[in-house]
N, C-alpha and C. Protein backbone atom coordinates (compact mmCIF):
# COMPACT_ATOMS: atom_id res chain seq x y z
N MET A 1 1.96 11.95 13.05
CA MET A 1 2.54 12.73 14.09
C MET A 1 3.45 13.81 13.50
N VAL A 2 4.22 13.48 12.47
CA VAL A 2 5.17 14.43 11.91
C VAL A 2 4.46 15.69 11.42
N ALA A 3 3.30 15.54 10.84
CA ALA A 3 2.57 16.70 10.32
C ALA A 3 1.79 17.41 11.42
N GLY A 4 1.79 16.87 12.61
CA GLY A 4 1.06 17.49 13.71
C GLY A 4 -0.40 17.07 13.77
N ILE A 5 -0.83 16.18 12.89
CA ILE A 5 -2.22 15.75 12.86
C ILE A 5 -2.55 14.89 14.09
N LEU A 6 -1.57 14.11 14.53
CA LEU A 6 -1.76 13.28 15.72
C LEU A 6 -0.75 13.66 16.79
N SER A 7 -1.17 13.56 18.04
CA SER A 7 -0.24 13.73 19.14
C SER A 7 0.66 12.50 19.18
N LEU A 8 1.78 12.59 19.90
CA LEU A 8 2.67 11.43 20.05
C LEU A 8 1.91 10.26 20.66
N GLU A 9 1.09 10.54 21.66
CA GLU A 9 0.31 9.49 22.31
C GLU A 9 -0.66 8.83 21.33
N ASP A 10 -1.38 9.63 20.53
CA ASP A 10 -2.32 9.05 19.56
C ASP A 10 -1.60 8.30 18.45
N ALA A 11 -0.45 8.81 18.00
CA ALA A 11 0.32 8.12 16.97
C ALA A 11 0.76 6.75 17.48
N ALA A 12 1.20 6.68 18.74
CA ALA A 12 1.60 5.41 19.33
C ALA A 12 0.40 4.46 19.40
N LYS A 13 -0.78 5.00 19.74
CA LYS A 13 -1.99 4.18 19.78
C LYS A 13 -2.31 3.61 18.39
N VAL A 14 -2.18 4.44 17.35
CA VAL A 14 -2.46 3.98 15.99
C VAL A 14 -1.56 2.81 15.64
N VAL A 15 -0.27 2.93 15.92
CA VAL A 15 0.68 1.86 15.62
C VAL A 15 0.30 0.59 16.38
N ALA A 16 0.04 0.72 17.68
CA ALA A 16 -0.29 -0.45 18.50
C ALA A 16 -1.62 -1.09 18.07
N LEU A 17 -2.64 -0.26 17.84
CA LEU A 17 -3.96 -0.79 17.47
C LEU A 17 -3.95 -1.41 16.08
N ARG A 18 -3.18 -0.83 15.15
CA ARG A 18 -3.05 -1.40 13.82
C ARG A 18 -2.41 -2.78 13.92
N SER A 19 -1.34 -2.87 14.69
CA SER A 19 -0.67 -4.16 14.87
C SER A 19 -1.62 -5.19 15.47
N GLN A 20 -2.39 -4.76 16.46
CA GLN A 20 -3.37 -5.64 17.09
C GLN A 20 -4.40 -6.13 16.07
N ALA A 21 -4.92 -5.23 15.24
CA ALA A 21 -5.93 -5.61 14.25
C ALA A 21 -5.36 -6.55 13.19
N LEU A 22 -4.09 -6.33 12.82
CA LEU A 22 -3.47 -7.15 11.78
C LEU A 22 -3.27 -8.60 12.22
N THR A 23 -3.31 -8.87 13.52
CA THR A 23 -3.14 -10.26 13.97
C THR A 23 -4.25 -11.15 13.43
N ALA A 24 -5.40 -10.58 13.14
CA ALA A 24 -6.51 -11.36 12.56
C ALA A 24 -6.16 -11.86 11.15
N LEU A 25 -5.26 -11.17 10.48
CA LEU A 25 -4.87 -11.57 9.12
C LEU A 25 -3.63 -12.45 9.11
N SER A 26 -2.97 -12.55 10.23
CA SER A 26 -1.71 -13.28 10.31
C SER A 26 -1.85 -14.72 9.82
N GLY A 27 -0.92 -15.10 8.98
CA GLY A 27 -0.91 -16.47 8.45
C GLY A 27 -1.77 -16.69 7.23
N HIS A 28 -2.48 -15.66 6.79
CA HIS A 28 -3.41 -15.83 5.67
C HIS A 28 -2.98 -15.13 4.38
N GLY A 29 -1.78 -14.55 4.38
CA GLY A 29 -1.36 -13.83 3.19
C GLY A 29 0.13 -13.58 3.19
N GLY A 30 0.55 -12.80 2.22
CA GLY A 30 1.96 -12.46 2.10
C GLY A 30 2.14 -11.34 1.10
N MET A 31 3.39 -10.94 0.94
CA MET A 31 3.71 -9.86 0.00
C MET A 31 4.97 -10.24 -0.77
N LEU A 32 5.01 -9.84 -2.02
CA LEU A 32 6.10 -10.17 -2.93
C LEU A 32 6.54 -8.90 -3.65
N SER A 33 7.83 -8.60 -3.57
CA SER A 33 8.41 -7.44 -4.25
C SER A 33 8.97 -7.91 -5.59
N ILE A 34 8.60 -7.22 -6.67
CA ILE A 34 9.04 -7.59 -8.01
C ILE A 34 9.68 -6.38 -8.67
N ALA A 35 10.88 -6.56 -9.20
CA ALA A 35 11.62 -5.47 -9.85
C ALA A 35 11.19 -5.35 -11.31
N GLU A 36 9.95 -4.94 -11.49
CA GLU A 36 9.38 -4.72 -12.81
C GLU A 36 8.38 -3.56 -12.72
N PRO A 37 8.13 -2.90 -13.84
CA PRO A 37 7.11 -1.85 -13.86
C PRO A 37 5.73 -2.43 -13.55
N VAL A 38 4.87 -1.59 -13.03
CA VAL A 38 3.54 -2.03 -12.62
C VAL A 38 2.75 -2.65 -13.78
N ASP A 39 2.91 -2.15 -15.00
CA ASP A 39 2.18 -2.73 -16.13
C ASP A 39 2.59 -4.18 -16.35
N ALA A 40 3.89 -4.44 -16.29
CA ALA A 40 4.38 -5.81 -16.47
C ALA A 40 3.92 -6.71 -15.33
N VAL A 41 3.95 -6.19 -14.11
CA VAL A 41 3.51 -6.97 -12.96
C VAL A 41 2.02 -7.24 -13.03
N SER A 42 1.24 -6.24 -13.44
CA SER A 42 -0.21 -6.44 -13.58
C SER A 42 -0.49 -7.57 -14.56
N ASP A 43 0.23 -7.59 -15.67
CA ASP A 43 0.07 -8.68 -16.64
C ASP A 43 0.52 -10.01 -16.03
N ARG A 44 1.62 -9.97 -15.31
CA ARG A 44 2.18 -11.19 -14.72
C ARG A 44 1.21 -11.83 -13.73
N ILE A 45 0.53 -11.03 -12.92
CA ILE A 45 -0.35 -11.59 -11.88
C ILE A 45 -1.77 -11.84 -12.36
N ASP A 46 -2.06 -11.49 -13.60
CA ASP A 46 -3.43 -11.64 -14.11
C ASP A 46 -4.02 -13.04 -13.92
N PRO A 47 -3.25 -14.12 -14.11
CA PRO A 47 -3.83 -15.46 -13.88
C PRO A 47 -4.27 -15.69 -12.44
N TRP A 48 -3.79 -14.89 -11.51
CA TRP A 48 -4.14 -15.03 -10.10
C TRP A 48 -4.92 -13.81 -9.60
N ALA A 49 -5.60 -13.12 -10.49
CA ALA A 49 -6.27 -11.86 -10.16
C ALA A 49 -7.26 -11.99 -9.00
N ASP A 50 -7.79 -13.17 -8.79
CA ASP A 50 -8.73 -13.36 -7.68
C ASP A 50 -8.02 -13.61 -6.35
N ARG A 51 -6.67 -13.77 -6.38
CA ARG A 51 -5.94 -14.07 -5.15
C ARG A 51 -4.71 -13.19 -4.92
N VAL A 52 -4.33 -12.39 -5.91
CA VAL A 52 -3.16 -11.52 -5.81
C VAL A 52 -3.51 -10.15 -6.39
N ALA A 53 -3.05 -9.09 -5.73
CA ALA A 53 -3.33 -7.73 -6.20
C ALA A 53 -2.08 -6.86 -6.06
N VAL A 54 -2.00 -5.83 -6.88
CA VAL A 54 -0.94 -4.84 -6.72
C VAL A 54 -1.18 -4.14 -5.39
N ALA A 55 -0.14 -4.11 -4.55
CA ALA A 55 -0.25 -3.49 -3.23
C ALA A 55 0.41 -2.13 -3.20
N ALA A 56 1.53 -1.99 -3.92
CA ALA A 56 2.27 -0.72 -3.89
C ALA A 56 3.15 -0.60 -5.12
N VAL A 57 3.32 0.62 -5.55
CA VAL A 57 4.27 0.94 -6.61
C VAL A 57 5.31 1.85 -5.97
N ASN A 58 6.50 1.30 -5.77
CA ASN A 58 7.54 2.04 -5.07
C ASN A 58 8.48 2.78 -6.01
N GLY A 59 8.31 2.59 -7.30
CA GLY A 59 9.15 3.26 -8.29
C GLY A 59 8.83 2.74 -9.67
N PRO A 60 9.50 3.26 -10.70
CA PRO A 60 9.19 2.86 -12.07
C PRO A 60 9.36 1.37 -12.33
N ALA A 61 10.26 0.72 -11.61
CA ALA A 61 10.47 -0.73 -11.77
C ALA A 61 10.54 -1.39 -10.40
N ALA A 62 9.64 -1.02 -9.53
CA ALA A 62 9.58 -1.58 -8.18
C ALA A 62 8.12 -1.68 -7.76
N THR A 63 7.58 -2.89 -7.87
CA THR A 63 6.16 -3.12 -7.60
C THR A 63 6.02 -4.19 -6.53
N VAL A 64 5.09 -4.01 -5.63
CA VAL A 64 4.81 -5.00 -4.58
C VAL A 64 3.39 -5.51 -4.78
N VAL A 65 3.24 -6.83 -4.68
CA VAL A 65 1.92 -7.44 -4.75
C VAL A 65 1.64 -8.14 -3.43
N SER A 66 0.37 -8.33 -3.12
CA SER A 66 0.01 -9.04 -1.90
C SER A 66 -1.13 -9.99 -2.21
N GLY A 67 -1.27 -11.00 -1.35
CA GLY A 67 -2.36 -11.93 -1.54
C GLY A 67 -2.11 -13.28 -0.91
N ASP A 68 -2.75 -14.29 -1.47
CA ASP A 68 -2.69 -15.66 -1.00
C ASP A 68 -1.26 -16.20 -1.12
N PRO A 69 -0.71 -16.82 -0.06
CA PRO A 69 0.67 -17.30 -0.09
C PRO A 69 0.96 -18.30 -1.21
N ARG A 70 0.04 -19.22 -1.49
CA ARG A 70 0.29 -20.20 -2.55
C ARG A 70 0.34 -19.53 -3.92
N ALA A 71 -0.55 -18.57 -4.14
CA ALA A 71 -0.54 -17.85 -5.42
C ALA A 71 0.73 -17.02 -5.54
N LEU A 72 1.17 -16.40 -4.45
CA LEU A 72 2.40 -15.62 -4.47
C LEU A 72 3.60 -16.51 -4.79
N ALA A 73 3.61 -17.72 -4.25
CA ALA A 73 4.71 -18.66 -4.54
C ALA A 73 4.73 -19.00 -6.03
N GLU A 74 3.57 -19.12 -6.64
CA GLU A 74 3.51 -19.40 -8.08
C GLU A 74 3.99 -18.20 -8.89
N VAL A 75 3.62 -17.01 -8.47
CA VAL A 75 4.09 -15.79 -9.14
C VAL A 75 5.61 -15.70 -9.01
N LEU A 76 6.14 -15.96 -7.81
CA LEU A 76 7.58 -15.93 -7.59
C LEU A 76 8.29 -16.94 -8.48
N ALA A 77 7.74 -18.14 -8.60
CA ALA A 77 8.35 -19.15 -9.48
C ALA A 77 8.38 -18.67 -10.93
N GLY A 78 7.32 -18.00 -11.37
CA GLY A 78 7.30 -17.44 -12.72
C GLY A 78 8.35 -16.36 -12.90
N CYS A 79 8.53 -15.52 -11.88
CA CYS A 79 9.55 -14.48 -11.94
C CYS A 79 10.93 -15.11 -12.06
N GLU A 80 11.20 -16.12 -11.24
CA GLU A 80 12.50 -16.80 -11.27
C GLU A 80 12.72 -17.45 -12.62
N ARG A 81 11.70 -18.07 -13.17
CA ARG A 81 11.79 -18.72 -14.48
C ARG A 81 12.11 -17.70 -15.57
N ASP A 82 11.50 -16.49 -15.46
CA ASP A 82 11.67 -15.46 -16.48
C ASP A 82 12.88 -14.55 -16.23
N GLY A 83 13.58 -14.78 -15.14
CA GLY A 83 14.74 -13.95 -14.83
C GLY A 83 14.40 -12.60 -14.24
N ALA A 84 13.19 -12.45 -13.75
CA ALA A 84 12.78 -11.20 -13.10
C ALA A 84 13.16 -11.28 -11.62
N ARG A 85 13.84 -10.25 -11.14
CA ARG A 85 14.25 -10.23 -9.74
C ARG A 85 13.01 -10.06 -8.86
N ALA A 86 12.86 -10.94 -7.88
CA ALA A 86 11.70 -10.90 -6.98
C ALA A 86 12.07 -11.54 -5.66
N ARG A 87 11.41 -11.07 -4.59
CA ARG A 87 11.64 -11.70 -3.29
C ARG A 87 10.39 -11.54 -2.42
N MET A 88 10.16 -12.58 -1.63
CA MET A 88 9.06 -12.53 -0.68
C MET A 88 9.45 -11.58 0.45
N LEU A 89 8.51 -10.79 0.91
CA LEU A 89 8.76 -9.90 2.02
C LEU A 89 8.46 -10.67 3.32
N PRO A 90 9.15 -10.34 4.40
CA PRO A 90 9.00 -11.10 5.64
C PRO A 90 7.75 -10.73 6.44
N VAL A 91 6.58 -10.92 5.84
CA VAL A 91 5.30 -10.71 6.52
C VAL A 91 4.41 -11.90 6.23
N ASP A 92 3.44 -12.15 7.10
CA ASP A 92 2.53 -13.27 6.87
C ASP A 92 1.09 -12.81 6.73
N TYR A 93 0.92 -11.58 6.25
CA TYR A 93 -0.40 -11.05 5.95
C TYR A 93 -0.30 -10.25 4.67
N ALA A 94 -1.43 -10.02 4.01
CA ALA A 94 -1.46 -9.35 2.71
C ALA A 94 -1.83 -7.89 2.88
N SER A 95 -0.88 -7.09 3.33
CA SER A 95 -1.12 -5.67 3.53
C SER A 95 -1.40 -4.97 2.20
N HIS A 96 -2.16 -3.89 2.25
CA HIS A 96 -2.49 -3.07 1.09
C HIS A 96 -3.24 -3.86 0.02
N GLY A 97 -3.99 -4.85 0.40
CA GLY A 97 -4.75 -5.65 -0.54
C GLY A 97 -6.16 -5.88 -0.02
N PRO A 98 -6.96 -6.61 -0.78
CA PRO A 98 -8.35 -6.85 -0.40
C PRO A 98 -8.53 -7.51 0.97
N GLN A 99 -7.55 -8.30 1.43
CA GLN A 99 -7.70 -8.95 2.73
C GLN A 99 -7.83 -7.94 3.87
N VAL A 100 -7.24 -6.76 3.70
CA VAL A 100 -7.30 -5.74 4.75
C VAL A 100 -8.74 -5.25 4.94
N ASP A 101 -9.55 -5.33 3.90
CA ASP A 101 -10.95 -4.92 4.03
C ASP A 101 -11.67 -5.72 5.11
N ASP A 102 -11.19 -6.96 5.37
CA ASP A 102 -11.81 -7.81 6.38
C ASP A 102 -11.71 -7.22 7.78
N ILE A 103 -10.71 -6.36 8.03
CA ILE A 103 -10.54 -5.79 9.37
C ILE A 103 -10.87 -4.30 9.43
N ARG A 104 -11.37 -3.75 8.33
CA ARG A 104 -11.63 -2.31 8.27
C ARG A 104 -12.54 -1.84 9.39
N ASP A 105 -13.66 -2.51 9.62
CA ASP A 105 -14.59 -2.08 10.67
C ASP A 105 -13.95 -2.15 12.05
N ASP A 106 -13.14 -3.20 12.29
CA ASP A 106 -12.45 -3.30 13.58
C ASP A 106 -11.47 -2.15 13.77
N VAL A 107 -10.72 -1.82 12.71
CA VAL A 107 -9.76 -0.72 12.80
C VAL A 107 -10.48 0.59 13.07
N LEU A 108 -11.56 0.85 12.35
CA LEU A 108 -12.31 2.09 12.57
C LEU A 108 -12.85 2.17 14.00
N ARG A 109 -13.32 1.04 14.52
CA ARG A 109 -13.82 1.01 15.89
C ARG A 109 -12.68 1.28 16.87
N LEU A 110 -11.54 0.62 16.68
CA LEU A 110 -10.40 0.79 17.57
C LEU A 110 -9.85 2.22 17.55
N LEU A 111 -9.90 2.85 16.39
CA LEU A 111 -9.34 4.19 16.26
C LEU A 111 -10.38 5.28 16.54
N GLY A 112 -11.59 4.89 16.87
CA GLY A 112 -12.67 5.85 17.07
C GLY A 112 -12.40 6.91 18.13
N ALA A 113 -11.59 6.58 19.14
CA ALA A 113 -11.33 7.54 20.22
C ALA A 113 -10.20 8.52 19.87
N ILE A 114 -9.56 8.32 18.75
CA ILE A 114 -8.45 9.19 18.37
C ILE A 114 -8.99 10.39 17.61
N THR A 115 -8.58 11.57 18.03
CA THR A 115 -9.07 12.80 17.41
C THR A 115 -7.93 13.51 16.70
N PRO A 116 -7.96 13.51 15.36
CA PRO A 116 -6.92 14.23 14.61
C PRO A 116 -7.06 15.74 14.79
N ARG A 117 -5.94 16.43 14.66
CA ARG A 117 -5.91 17.89 14.77
C ARG A 117 -5.58 18.47 13.40
N PRO A 118 -5.77 19.77 13.23
CA PRO A 118 -5.36 20.38 11.95
C PRO A 118 -3.86 20.19 11.72
N ALA A 119 -3.49 19.93 10.48
CA ALA A 119 -2.09 19.71 10.14
C ALA A 119 -1.27 20.98 10.33
N LEU A 120 -0.08 20.81 10.90
CA LEU A 120 0.85 21.92 11.05
C LEU A 120 1.79 22.00 9.85
N ILE A 121 2.01 20.85 9.22
CA ILE A 121 2.89 20.71 8.06
C ILE A 121 2.08 20.02 6.97
N PRO A 122 2.12 20.49 5.72
CA PRO A 122 1.35 19.82 4.67
C PRO A 122 1.73 18.34 4.56
N MET A 123 0.71 17.49 4.44
CA MET A 123 0.92 16.05 4.32
C MET A 123 0.02 15.53 3.21
N VAL A 124 0.57 14.68 2.33
CA VAL A 124 -0.17 14.13 1.22
C VAL A 124 -0.55 12.69 1.53
N SER A 125 -1.80 12.35 1.32
CA SER A 125 -2.28 10.99 1.55
C SER A 125 -1.69 10.04 0.52
N ALA A 126 -1.17 8.92 1.00
CA ALA A 126 -0.68 7.88 0.10
C ALA A 126 -1.84 7.16 -0.57
N MET A 127 -3.03 7.30 -0.02
CA MET A 127 -4.20 6.63 -0.59
C MET A 127 -4.84 7.43 -1.72
N THR A 128 -4.90 8.76 -1.56
CA THR A 128 -5.63 9.56 -2.54
C THR A 128 -4.77 10.56 -3.30
N GLY A 129 -3.58 10.86 -2.79
CA GLY A 129 -2.74 11.88 -3.40
C GLY A 129 -3.18 13.29 -3.05
N GLU A 130 -4.16 13.43 -2.16
CA GLU A 130 -4.68 14.73 -1.77
C GLU A 130 -4.06 15.15 -0.44
N TYR A 131 -4.05 16.46 -0.17
CA TYR A 131 -3.55 16.95 1.10
C TYR A 131 -4.49 16.55 2.22
N LEU A 132 -3.91 16.13 3.36
CA LEU A 132 -4.68 15.83 4.56
C LEU A 132 -4.67 17.07 5.44
N THR A 133 -5.82 17.41 5.95
CA THR A 133 -5.90 18.58 6.82
C THR A 133 -5.98 18.18 8.28
N GLY A 134 -6.30 16.94 8.55
CA GLY A 134 -6.35 16.46 9.93
C GLY A 134 -7.73 16.06 10.39
N PRO A 135 -8.61 17.00 10.68
CA PRO A 135 -9.89 16.63 11.25
C PRO A 135 -10.76 15.75 10.35
N ASN A 136 -10.57 15.79 9.05
CA ASN A 136 -11.40 14.96 8.18
C ASN A 136 -10.71 13.65 7.82
N TRP A 137 -9.67 13.28 8.56
CA TRP A 137 -8.90 12.07 8.32
C TRP A 137 -9.75 10.83 8.55
N THR A 138 -9.65 9.88 7.65
CA THR A 138 -10.29 8.59 7.80
C THR A 138 -9.32 7.54 7.30
N PRO A 139 -9.12 6.45 8.03
CA PRO A 139 -8.20 5.43 7.56
C PRO A 139 -8.66 4.86 6.22
N GLY A 140 -7.70 4.58 5.34
CA GLY A 140 -8.00 3.99 4.04
C GLY A 140 -8.31 2.52 4.17
N THR A 141 -8.72 1.93 3.08
CA THR A 141 -9.02 0.51 3.07
C THR A 141 -7.94 -0.23 2.32
N GLY A 142 -8.10 -1.50 2.22
CA GLY A 142 -7.12 -2.31 1.52
C GLY A 142 -7.46 -2.49 0.06
N THR A 143 -8.36 -1.68 -0.47
CA THR A 143 -8.76 -1.83 -1.87
C THR A 143 -7.53 -1.82 -2.77
N PRO A 144 -7.37 -2.83 -3.60
CA PRO A 144 -6.19 -2.86 -4.46
C PRO A 144 -6.14 -1.65 -5.38
N ALA A 145 -4.94 -1.19 -5.63
CA ALA A 145 -4.77 -0.01 -6.47
C ALA A 145 -5.39 -0.21 -7.84
N SER A 146 -5.40 -1.44 -8.34
CA SER A 146 -5.93 -1.69 -9.68
C SER A 146 -7.44 -1.51 -9.75
N ALA A 147 -8.12 -1.45 -8.59
CA ALA A 147 -9.58 -1.30 -8.59
C ALA A 147 -10.01 0.16 -8.48
N ARG A 148 -9.05 1.06 -8.32
CA ARG A 148 -9.38 2.47 -8.16
C ARG A 148 -9.56 3.13 -9.52
N PRO A 149 -10.27 4.26 -9.56
CA PRO A 149 -10.49 4.93 -10.84
C PRO A 149 -9.17 5.29 -11.52
N SER A 150 -9.14 5.23 -12.85
CA SER A 150 -7.90 5.46 -13.59
C SER A 150 -7.35 6.86 -13.42
N SER A 151 -8.19 7.83 -13.08
CA SER A 151 -7.71 9.19 -12.90
C SER A 151 -7.14 9.43 -11.50
N SER A 152 -7.30 8.45 -10.63
CA SER A 152 -6.87 8.61 -9.25
C SER A 152 -5.36 8.54 -9.11
N PRO A 153 -4.79 9.40 -8.27
CA PRO A 153 -3.36 9.33 -8.01
C PRO A 153 -2.96 8.03 -7.33
N THR A 154 -3.92 7.24 -6.85
CA THR A 154 -3.56 5.98 -6.22
C THR A 154 -3.39 4.86 -7.24
N ARG A 155 -3.67 5.14 -8.48
CA ARG A 155 -3.45 4.13 -9.52
C ARG A 155 -1.96 3.89 -9.68
N PRO A 156 -1.52 2.64 -9.77
CA PRO A 156 -0.09 2.37 -9.93
C PRO A 156 0.53 3.09 -11.11
N ARG A 157 -0.17 3.18 -12.22
CA ARG A 157 0.41 3.83 -13.40
C ARG A 157 0.68 5.32 -13.14
N TYR A 158 -0.18 5.96 -12.34
CA TYR A 158 0.02 7.36 -11.98
C TYR A 158 1.33 7.51 -11.22
N TRP A 159 1.52 6.67 -10.19
CA TRP A 159 2.73 6.78 -9.38
C TRP A 159 3.96 6.38 -10.17
N ALA A 160 3.84 5.38 -11.02
CA ALA A 160 4.99 4.98 -11.84
C ALA A 160 5.39 6.12 -12.77
N ALA A 161 4.41 6.79 -13.36
CA ALA A 161 4.71 7.92 -14.25
C ALA A 161 5.32 9.07 -13.47
N THR A 162 4.79 9.33 -12.27
CA THR A 162 5.33 10.41 -11.44
C THR A 162 6.75 10.08 -11.00
N ALA A 163 6.98 8.85 -10.59
CA ALA A 163 8.32 8.45 -10.15
C ALA A 163 9.30 8.56 -11.31
N THR A 164 8.88 8.18 -12.51
CA THR A 164 9.74 8.27 -13.68
C THR A 164 10.05 9.73 -13.98
N ALA A 165 9.05 10.59 -13.92
CA ALA A 165 9.24 12.01 -14.22
C ALA A 165 10.15 12.65 -13.19
N CYS A 166 10.04 12.22 -11.95
CA CYS A 166 10.82 12.84 -10.87
C CYS A 166 12.21 12.26 -10.72
N SER A 167 12.43 11.06 -11.24
CA SER A 167 13.71 10.39 -10.98
C SER A 167 14.89 11.11 -11.57
N SER A 168 14.68 11.92 -12.59
CA SER A 168 15.79 12.62 -13.21
C SER A 168 16.04 13.98 -12.58
N LYS A 169 15.19 14.38 -11.62
CA LYS A 169 15.33 15.70 -11.00
C LYS A 169 16.15 15.60 -9.72
N PRO A 170 16.90 16.65 -9.38
CA PRO A 170 17.65 16.62 -8.12
C PRO A 170 16.70 16.53 -6.93
N PRO A 171 17.18 16.02 -5.78
CA PRO A 171 16.32 15.95 -4.59
C PRO A 171 15.73 17.31 -4.24
N ARG A 172 14.51 17.27 -3.71
CA ARG A 172 13.78 18.45 -3.26
C ARG A 172 13.32 19.37 -4.40
N THR A 173 13.39 18.88 -5.63
CA THR A 173 12.90 19.65 -6.76
C THR A 173 11.48 19.20 -7.04
N PRO A 174 10.49 20.11 -7.06
CA PRO A 174 9.12 19.69 -7.37
C PRO A 174 9.02 19.10 -8.77
N CYS A 175 8.18 18.11 -8.91
CA CYS A 175 8.00 17.47 -10.23
C CYS A 175 7.01 18.25 -11.07
C-alpha cells in the first residue's frame, strides 16, 4: 500500500487472507532468533537441515530460523549451551521456510482477485532484491534462503554483507 501498488482495501485483504491461510500451518512450526551471523547459524543448524532453515537475516549478527518445533528446541538448547543469545519468537508456524510452500497455491487462489497497480514510490522486493513495478507482482514462496542461487540478493550472505557495509553509514546514505 505504501508504494501505491495496492489500494488500502486490497492491502487489508492481503493481510486478512494471509492470516487466514496461515491457520493451516498453525501448531506445526516455530521461529527462533539467534544473535549470530548467518554463516555461524547455517553451520549450527546443519544437523537439522531437513527440519530447520534460515528464514531471515536481519543484520550482520541477527539471524532467524524456522522449522519443526522440536528441532528448534534442540537448536535453542545448543545456543544456550554455547552462550549464544537466542530466543523463540511468539509464533506457532514456520514463516519464511519450506512449510509455507504447503499453502502457496491456496494463497495464490485467495489473492487472485487482487489487482496490483503501477508503483507510485520505488519498492524493493524482500524476496528478490529487485524493484517491484506493481502489475507483475507475484507472492513469493517459503523457499529457504539457503536454497536460492548464490548470486541472488535473497541469499543470507548477500544481506549480511550489505548490512555490514551499510551499518557504518549515516541513515539515508545509499550503500
